[in-house]
Protein backbone atom coordinates (compact mmCIF):
# COMPACT_ATOMS: atom_id res chain seq x y z
CA MET A 1 12.66 14.63 18.19
CA PRO A 2 12.43 11.73 15.71
CA LYS A 3 9.04 10.36 14.83
CA ILE A 4 8.38 6.90 16.25
CA VAL A 5 6.78 4.61 13.66
CA ASP A 6 5.45 1.10 14.16
CA HIS A 7 6.79 -0.34 10.90
CA LYS A 8 4.97 -3.64 11.20
CA ALA A 9 1.60 -1.93 11.68
CA TYR A 10 2.36 0.49 8.82
CA ARG A 11 3.12 -2.40 6.42
CA GLN A 12 -0.04 -4.23 7.46
CA ASP A 13 -2.11 -1.08 6.91
CA LEU A 14 -0.66 -0.60 3.41
CA ALA A 15 -1.29 -4.25 2.54
CA GLN A 16 -4.91 -4.02 3.70
CA ARG A 17 -5.45 -0.85 1.70
CA ALA A 18 -3.88 -2.42 -1.42
CA ILE A 19 -6.15 -5.49 -1.47
CA PRO A 20 -8.99 -3.71 -3.34
CA LEU A 21 -6.46 -2.51 -5.94
CA PHE A 22 -5.32 -6.08 -6.60
CA SER A 23 -8.95 -7.10 -6.94
CA LYS A 24 -9.59 -4.29 -9.43
CA TYR A 25 -6.41 -4.48 -11.56
CA GLY A 26 -5.12 -8.01 -10.94
CA TYR A 27 -1.60 -8.97 -9.97
CA HIS A 28 -0.03 -8.30 -13.38
CA GLY A 29 -1.98 -5.13 -14.05
CA LEU A 30 -0.82 -3.32 -10.94
CA SER A 31 2.56 -1.62 -10.52
CA THR A 32 4.17 -0.30 -7.37
CA ARG A 33 3.84 3.18 -8.85
CA LYS A 34 0.07 2.74 -9.25
CA ILE A 35 -0.21 1.41 -5.68
CA ALA A 36 1.71 4.40 -4.34
CA THR A 37 -0.41 6.82 -6.35
CA GLU A 38 -3.71 5.24 -5.34
CA LEU A 39 -2.70 5.08 -1.65
CA ALA A 40 -1.29 8.63 -1.74
CA ILE A 41 2.17 7.74 -0.49
């Protein structure tokens, strides 16, 4: 049985969790790799 995922809610959750990272590193100091590592995805 495939897993049902609410993609919109998932994206919003990731964005909310990434906000402190942008505050800490700034827009230019943060890569997608660092976001993924910090958010454990």
